[in-house]
ModelCIF file with pLDDT and N, C-alpha, C, O atoms, coordinates in Angstrom:
data_MODEL
#
_entry.id   MODEL 
#
_entity.id                         1 
_entity.type                       polymer 
_entity.pdbx_number_of_molecules   1 
#
_entity_poly.entity_id                      1 
_entity_poly.type                           'polypeptide(L)' 
_entity_poly.nstd_linkage                   no 
_entity_poly.nstd_monomer                   no 
_entity_poly.pdbx_seq_one_letter_code       KSQIIPLKGEGSFNSVNFSWHLNSMTQTNDG 
_entity_poly.pdbx_seq_one_letter_code_can   KSQIIPLKGEGSFNSVNFSWHLNSMTQTNDG 
_entity_poly.pdbx_strand_id                 A 
#
loop_
_entity_poly_seq.entity_id 
_entity_poly_seq.num 
_entity_poly_seq.mon_id 
_entity_poly_seq.hetero 
1 1  LYS n 
1 2  SER n 
1 3  GLN n 
1 4  ILE n 
1 5  ILE n 
1 6  PRO n 
1 7  LEU n 
1 8  LYS n 
1 9  GLY n 
1 10 GLU n 
1 11 GLY n 
1 12 SER n 
1 13 PHE n 
1 14 ASN n 
1 15 SER n 
1 16 VAL n 
1 17 ASN n 
1 18 PHE n 
1 19 SER n 
1 20 TRP n 
1 21 HIS n 
1 22 LEU n 
1 23 ASN n 
1 24 SER n 
1 25 MET n 
1 26 THR n 
1 27 GLN n 
1 28 THR n 
1 29 ASN n 
1 30 ASP n 
1 31 GLY n 
#
_struct_asym.id          A 
_struct_asym.entity_id   1 
#
loop_
_ma_qa_metric.id 
_ma_qa_metric.mode 
_ma_qa_metric.name 
_ma_qa_metric.software_group_id 
_ma_qa_metric.type 
1 global pLDDT . pLDDT 
2 local  pLDDT . pLDDT 
#
_ma_qa_metric_global.metric_id      1 
_ma_qa_metric_global.metric_value   88.61 
_ma_qa_metric_global.model_id       1 
_ma_qa_metric_global.ordinal_id     1 
#
loop_
_ma_qa_metric_local.label_asym_id 
_ma_qa_metric_local.label_comp_id 
_ma_qa_metric_local.label_seq_id 
_ma_qa_metric_local.metric_id 
_ma_qa_metric_local.metric_value 
_ma_qa_metric_local.model_id 
_ma_qa_metric_local.ordinal_id 
A LYS 1  2 88.00 1 1  
A SER 2  2 89.00 1 2  
A GLN 3  2 90.00 1 3  
A ILE 4  2 91.00 1 4  
A ILE 5  2 92.00 1 5  
A PRO 6  2 92.00 1 6  
A LEU 7  2 93.00 1 7  
A LYS 8  2 92.00 1 8  
A GLY 9  2 92.00 1 9  
A GLU 10 2 91.00 1 10 
A GLY 11 2 88.00 1 11 
A SER 12 2 88.00 1 12 
A PHE 13 2 91.00 1 13 
A ASN 14 2 89.00 1 14 
A SER 15 2 91.00 1 15 
A VAL 16 2 93.00 1 16 
A ASN 17 2 93.00 1 17 
A PHE 18 2 95.00 1 18 
A SER 19 2 93.00 1 19 
A TRP 20 2 94.00 1 20 
A HIS 21 2 91.00 1 21 
A LEU 22 2 90.00 1 22 
A ASN 23 2 87.00 1 23 
A SER 24 2 85.00 1 24 
A MET 25 2 82.00 1 25 
A THR 26 2 79.00 1 26 
A GLN 27 2 79.00 1 27 
A THR 28 2 80.00 1 28 
A ASN 29 2 81.00 1 29 
A ASP 30 2 82.00 1 30 
A GLY 31 2 86.00 1 31 
#
loop_
_atom_site.group_PDB 
_atom_site.id 
_atom_site.type_symbol 
_atom_site.label_atom_id 
_atom_site.label_alt_id 
_atom_site.label_comp_id 
_atom_site.label_asym_id 
_atom_site.label_entity_id 
_atom_site.label_seq_id 
_atom_site.pdbx_PDB_ins_code 
_atom_site.Cartn_x 
_atom_site.Cartn_y 
_atom_site.Cartn_z 
_atom_site.occupancy 
_atom_site.B_iso_or_equiv 
_atom_site.pdbx_formal_charge 
_atom_site.auth_seq_id 
_atom_site.auth_comp_id 
_atom_site.auth_asym_id 
_atom_site.auth_atom_id 
_atom_site.pdbx_PDB_model_num 
ATOM 1   N N  . LYS A 1 1  ? 109.449 139.475 87.431  1.00 88.00 ? 1  LYS A N  1 
ATOM 2   C CA . LYS A 1 1  ? 110.521 140.376 87.839  1.00 88.00 ? 1  LYS A CA 1 
ATOM 3   C C  . LYS A 1 1  ? 110.400 140.636 89.337  1.00 88.00 ? 1  LYS A C  1 
ATOM 4   O O  . LYS A 1 1  ? 109.295 140.681 89.880  1.00 88.00 ? 1  LYS A O  1 
ATOM 5   N N  . SER A 1 2  ? 111.534 140.807 89.996  1.00 89.00 ? 2  SER A N  1 
ATOM 6   C CA . SER A 1 2  ? 111.532 140.953 91.450  1.00 89.00 ? 2  SER A CA 1 
ATOM 7   C C  . SER A 1 2  ? 112.039 142.326 91.879  1.00 89.00 ? 2  SER A C  1 
ATOM 8   O O  . SER A 1 2  ? 112.820 142.973 91.181  1.00 89.00 ? 2  SER A O  1 
ATOM 9   N N  . GLN A 1 3  ? 111.575 142.741 93.031  1.00 90.00 ? 3  GLN A N  1 
ATOM 10  C CA . GLN A 1 3  ? 112.060 143.972 93.647  1.00 90.00 ? 3  GLN A CA 1 
ATOM 11  C C  . GLN A 1 3  ? 112.171 143.744 95.144  1.00 90.00 ? 3  GLN A C  1 
ATOM 12  O O  . GLN A 1 3  ? 111.284 143.155 95.762  1.00 90.00 ? 3  GLN A O  1 
ATOM 13  N N  . ILE A 1 4  ? 113.272 144.216 95.724  1.00 91.00 ? 4  ILE A N  1 
ATOM 14  C CA . ILE A 1 4  ? 113.496 144.087 97.164  1.00 91.00 ? 4  ILE A CA 1 
ATOM 15  C C  . ILE A 1 4  ? 113.340 145.455 97.813  1.00 91.00 ? 4  ILE A C  1 
ATOM 16  O O  . ILE A 1 4  ? 113.962 146.430 97.391  1.00 91.00 ? 4  ILE A O  1 
ATOM 17  N N  . ILE A 1 5  ? 112.507 145.516 98.839  1.00 92.00 ? 5  ILE A N  1 
ATOM 18  C CA . ILE A 1 5  ? 112.198 146.771 99.521  1.00 92.00 ? 5  ILE A CA 1 
ATOM 19  C C  . ILE A 1 5  ? 112.692 146.686 100.964 1.00 92.00 ? 5  ILE A C  1 
ATOM 20  O O  . ILE A 1 5  ? 112.300 145.762 101.677 1.00 92.00 ? 5  ILE A O  1 
ATOM 21  N N  . PRO A 1 6  ? 113.530 147.605 101.418 1.00 92.00 ? 6  PRO A N  1 
ATOM 22  C CA . PRO A 1 6  ? 113.914 147.631 102.834 1.00 92.00 ? 6  PRO A CA 1 
ATOM 23  C C  . PRO A 1 6  ? 112.707 148.018 103.696 1.00 92.00 ? 6  PRO A C  1 
ATOM 24  O O  . PRO A 1 6  ? 112.090 149.058 103.468 1.00 92.00 ? 6  PRO A O  1 
ATOM 25  N N  . LEU A 1 7  ? 112.380 147.203 104.661 1.00 93.00 ? 7  LEU A N  1 
ATOM 26  C CA . LEU A 1 7  ? 111.291 147.513 105.590 1.00 93.00 ? 7  LEU A CA 1 
ATOM 27  C C  . LEU A 1 7  ? 111.880 148.321 106.746 1.00 93.00 ? 7  LEU A C  1 
ATOM 28  O O  . LEU A 1 7  ? 112.082 147.815 107.850 1.00 93.00 ? 7  LEU A O  1 
ATOM 29  N N  . LYS A 1 8  ? 112.141 149.570 106.458 1.00 92.00 ? 8  LYS A N  1 
ATOM 30  C CA . LYS A 1 8  ? 112.810 150.469 107.397 1.00 92.00 ? 8  LYS A CA 1 
ATOM 31  C C  . LYS A 1 8  ? 111.820 151.552 107.801 1.00 92.00 ? 8  LYS A C  1 
ATOM 32  O O  . LYS A 1 8  ? 111.485 152.421 106.996 1.00 92.00 ? 8  LYS A O  1 
ATOM 33  N N  . GLY A 1 9  ? 111.351 151.502 109.048 1.00 92.00 ? 9  GLY A N  1 
ATOM 34  C CA . GLY A 1 9  ? 110.341 152.438 109.504 1.00 92.00 ? 9  GLY A CA 1 
ATOM 35  C C  . GLY A 1 9  ? 110.883 153.480 110.464 1.00 92.00 ? 9  GLY A C  1 
ATOM 36  O O  . GLY A 1 9  ? 112.001 153.365 110.966 1.00 92.00 ? 9  GLY A O  1 
ATOM 37  N N  . GLU A 1 10 ? 110.068 154.503 110.712 1.00 91.00 ? 10 GLU A N  1 
ATOM 38  C CA . GLU A 1 10 ? 110.428 155.517 111.705 1.00 91.00 ? 10 GLU A CA 1 
ATOM 39  C C  . GLU A 1 10 ? 110.451 154.928 113.111 1.00 91.00 ? 10 GLU A C  1 
ATOM 40  O O  . GLU A 1 10 ? 111.145 155.433 113.993 1.00 91.00 ? 10 GLU A O  1 
ATOM 41  N N  . GLY A 1 11 ? 109.695 153.870 113.308 1.00 88.00 ? 11 GLY A N  1 
ATOM 42  C CA . GLY A 1 11 ? 109.678 153.172 114.592 1.00 88.00 ? 11 GLY A CA 1 
ATOM 43  C C  . GLY A 1 11 ? 109.481 151.694 114.336 1.00 88.00 ? 11 GLY A C  1 
ATOM 44  O O  . GLY A 1 11 ? 109.535 151.244 113.191 1.00 88.00 ? 11 GLY A O  1 
ATOM 45  N N  . SER A 1 12 ? 109.255 150.940 115.392 1.00 88.00 ? 12 SER A N  1 
ATOM 46  C CA . SER A 1 12 ? 109.033 149.502 115.235 1.00 88.00 ? 12 SER A CA 1 
ATOM 47  C C  . SER A 1 12 ? 107.650 149.254 114.636 1.00 88.00 ? 12 SER A C  1 
ATOM 48  O O  . SER A 1 12 ? 106.759 150.096 114.741 1.00 88.00 ? 12 SER A O  1 
ATOM 49  N N  . PHE A 1 13 ? 107.479 148.091 114.008 1.00 91.00 ? 13 PHE A N  1 
ATOM 50  C CA . PHE A 1 13 ? 106.200 147.706 113.414 1.00 91.00 ? 13 PHE A CA 1 
ATOM 51  C C  . PHE A 1 13 ? 106.087 146.197 113.482 1.00 91.00 ? 13 PHE A C  1 
ATOM 52  O O  . PHE A 1 13 ? 107.095 145.494 113.549 1.00 91.00 ? 13 PHE A O  1 
ATOM 53  N N  . ASN A 1 14 ? 104.863 145.701 113.466 1.00 89.00 ? 14 ASN A N  1 
ATOM 54  C CA . ASN A 1 14 ? 104.662 144.255 113.616 1.00 89.00 ? 14 ASN A CA 1 
ATOM 55  C C  . ASN A 1 14 ? 103.866 143.635 112.480 1.00 89.00 ? 14 ASN A C  1 
ATOM 56  O O  . ASN A 1 14 ? 103.590 142.436 112.517 1.00 89.00 ? 14 ASN A O  1 
ATOM 57  N N  . SER A 1 15 ? 103.489 144.410 111.475 1.00 91.00 ? 15 SER A N  1 
ATOM 58  C CA . SER A 1 15 ? 102.786 143.856 110.324 1.00 91.00 ? 15 SER A CA 1 
ATOM 59  C C  . SER A 1 15 ? 103.021 144.741 109.105 1.00 91.00 ? 15 SER A C  1 
ATOM 60  O O  . SER A 1 15 ? 103.416 145.902 109.215 1.00 91.00 ? 15 SER A O  1 
ATOM 61  N N  . VAL A 1 16 ? 102.765 144.152 107.947 1.00 93.00 ? 16 VAL A N  1 
ATOM 62  C CA . VAL A 1 16 ? 102.924 144.860 106.682 1.00 93.00 ? 16 VAL A CA 1 
ATOM 63  C C  . VAL A 1 16 ? 101.655 144.683 105.866 1.00 93.00 ? 16 VAL A C  1 
ATOM 64  O O  . VAL A 1 16 ? 101.223 143.555 105.629 1.00 93.00 ? 16 VAL A O  1 
ATOM 65  N N  . ASN A 1 17 ? 101.056 145.783 105.434 1.00 93.00 ? 17 ASN A N  1 
ATOM 66  C CA . ASN A 1 17 ? 99.925  145.711 104.517 1.00 93.00 ? 17 ASN A CA 1 
ATOM 67  C C  . ASN A 1 17 ? 100.458 145.679 103.087 1.00 93.00 ? 17 ASN A C  1 
ATOM 68  O O  . ASN A 1 17 ? 101.182 146.580 102.663 1.00 93.00 ? 17 ASN A O  1 
ATOM 69  N N  . PHE A 1 18 ? 100.094 144.641 102.359 1.00 95.00 ? 18 PHE A N  1 
ATOM 70  C CA . PHE A 1 18 ? 100.513 144.521 100.964 1.00 95.00 ? 18 PHE A CA 1 
ATOM 71  C C  . PHE A 1 18 ? 99.280  144.513 100.073 1.00 95.00 ? 18 PHE A C  1 
ATOM 72  O O  . PHE A 1 18 ? 98.410  143.654 100.208 1.00 95.00 ? 18 PHE A O  1 
ATOM 73  N N  . SER A 1 19 ? 99.213  145.489 99.151  1.00 93.00 ? 19 SER A N  1 
ATOM 74  C CA . SER A 1 19 ? 98.080  145.614 98.232  1.00 93.00 ? 19 SER A CA 1 
ATOM 75  C C  . SER A 1 19 ? 98.590  145.522 96.801  1.00 93.00 ? 19 SER A C  1 
ATOM 76  O O  . SER A 1 19 ? 99.694  145.970 96.492  1.00 93.00 ? 19 SER A O  1 
ATOM 77  N N  . TRP A 1 20 ? 97.767  144.931 95.928  1.00 94.00 ? 20 TRP A N  1 
ATOM 78  C CA . TRP A 1 20 ? 98.172  144.859 94.525  1.00 94.00 ? 20 TRP A CA 1 
ATOM 79  C C  . TRP A 1 20 ? 96.956  144.844 93.611  1.00 94.00 ? 20 TRP A C  1 
ATOM 80  O O  . TRP A 1 20 ? 95.825  144.715 94.078  1.00 94.00 ? 20 TRP A O  1 
ATOM 81  N N  . HIS A 1 21 ? 97.184  144.974 92.332  1.00 91.00 ? 21 HIS A N  1 
ATOM 82  C CA . HIS A 1 21 ? 96.199  145.083 91.253  1.00 91.00 ? 21 HIS A CA 1 
ATOM 83  C C  . HIS A 1 21 ? 95.432  146.411 91.395  1.00 91.00 ? 21 HIS A C  1 
ATOM 84  O O  . HIS A 1 21 ? 94.390  146.485 92.046  1.00 91.00 ? 21 HIS A O  1 
ATOM 85  N N  . LEU A 1 22 ? 95.986  147.447 90.763  1.00 90.00 ? 22 LEU A N  1 
ATOM 86  C CA . LEU A 1 22 ? 95.403  148.784 90.809  1.00 90.00 ? 22 LEU A CA 1 
ATOM 87  C C  . LEU A 1 22 ? 94.224  148.852 89.839  1.00 90.00 ? 22 LEU A C  1 
ATOM 88  O O  . LEU A 1 22 ? 94.390  148.647 88.637  1.00 90.00 ? 22 LEU A O  1 
ATOM 89  N N  . ASN A 1 23 ? 93.034  149.140 90.366  1.00 87.00 ? 23 ASN A N  1 
ATOM 90  C CA . ASN A 1 23 ? 91.823  149.177 89.545  1.00 87.00 ? 23 ASN A CA 1 
ATOM 91  C C  . ASN A 1 23 ? 91.874  150.316 88.536  1.00 87.00 ? 23 ASN A C  1 
ATOM 92  O O  . ASN A 1 23 ? 92.168  151.455 88.898  1.00 87.00 ? 23 ASN A O  1 
ATOM 93  N N  . SER A 1 24 ? 91.592  150.017 87.285  1.00 85.00 ? 24 SER A N  1 
ATOM 94  C CA . SER A 1 24 ? 91.492  151.014 86.219  1.00 85.00 ? 24 SER A CA 1 
ATOM 95  C C  . SER A 1 24 ? 90.562  150.463 85.149  1.00 85.00 ? 24 SER A C  1 
ATOM 96  O O  . SER A 1 24 ? 90.306  149.260 85.097  1.00 85.00 ? 24 SER A O  1 
ATOM 97  N N  . MET A 1 25 ? 90.059  151.351 84.296  1.00 82.00 ? 25 MET A N  1 
ATOM 98  C CA . MET A 1 25 ? 89.112  150.900 83.274  1.00 82.00 ? 25 MET A CA 1 
ATOM 99  C C  . MET A 1 25 ? 89.803  150.052 82.214  1.00 82.00 ? 25 MET A C  1 
ATOM 100 O O  . MET A 1 25 ? 89.182  149.159 81.638  1.00 82.00 ? 25 MET A O  1 
ATOM 101 N N  . THR A 1 26 ? 91.079  150.320 81.949  1.00 79.00 ? 26 THR A N  1 
ATOM 102 C CA . THR A 1 26 ? 91.843  149.544 80.972  1.00 79.00 ? 26 THR A CA 1 
ATOM 103 C C  . THR A 1 26 ? 93.212  149.202 81.542  1.00 79.00 ? 26 THR A C  1 
ATOM 104 O O  . THR A 1 26 ? 93.667  149.824 82.503  1.00 79.00 ? 26 THR A O  1 
ATOM 105 N N  . GLN A 1 27 ? 93.859  148.221 80.952  1.00 79.00 ? 27 GLN A N  1 
ATOM 106 C CA . GLN A 1 27 ? 95.204  147.838 81.382  1.00 79.00 ? 27 GLN A CA 1 
ATOM 107 C C  . GLN A 1 27 ? 96.225  148.746 80.707  1.00 79.00 ? 27 GLN A C  1 
ATOM 108 O O  . GLN A 1 27 ? 96.449  148.651 79.501  1.00 79.00 ? 27 GLN A O  1 
ATOM 109 N N  . THR A 1 28 ? 96.840  149.623 81.491  1.00 80.00 ? 28 THR A N  1 
ATOM 110 C CA . THR A 1 28 ? 97.849  150.553 80.993  1.00 80.00 ? 28 THR A CA 1 
ATOM 111 C C  . THR A 1 28 ? 98.988  150.606 81.999  1.00 80.00 ? 28 THR A C  1 
ATOM 112 O O  . THR A 1 28 ? 99.006  149.852 82.971  1.00 80.00 ? 28 THR A O  1 
ATOM 113 N N  . ASN A 1 29 ? 99.942  151.507 81.757  1.00 81.00 ? 29 ASN A N  1 
ATOM 114 C CA . ASN A 1 29 ? 101.024 151.715 82.720  1.00 81.00 ? 29 ASN A CA 1 
ATOM 115 C C  . ASN A 1 29 ? 100.521 152.339 84.009  1.00 81.00 ? 29 ASN A C  1 
ATOM 116 O O  . ASN A 1 29 ? 101.222 152.336 85.021  1.00 81.00 ? 29 ASN A O  1 
ATOM 117 N N  . ASP A 1 30 ? 99.292  152.881 83.973  1.00 82.00 ? 30 ASP A N  1 
ATOM 118 C CA . ASP A 1 30 ? 98.731  153.538 85.152  1.00 82.00 ? 30 ASP A CA 1 
ATOM 119 C C  . ASP A 1 30 ? 97.733  152.663 85.898  1.00 82.00 ? 30 ASP A C  1 
ATOM 120 O O  . ASP A 1 30 ? 97.165  153.102 86.898  1.00 82.00 ? 30 ASP A O  1 
ATOM 121 N N  . GLY A 1 31 ? 97.509  151.451 85.442  1.00 86.00 ? 31 GLY A N  1 
ATOM 122 C CA . GLY A 1 31 ? 96.547  150.593 86.119  1.00 86.00 ? 31 GLY A CA 1 
ATOM 123 C C  . GLY A 1 31 ? 96.528  149.201 85.518  1.00 86.00 ? 31 GLY A C  1 
ATOM 124 O O  . GLY A 1 31 ? 95.769  148.343 85.970  1.00 86.00 ? 31 GLY A O  1 
#
């Protein structure tokens, strides 16, 4: 599934930090 995010900042920016896979003890909706 896809999601499109507007990269709209308060000012200019030159890089984007992208993080994924939220650590949790079990696989749930929260991790």
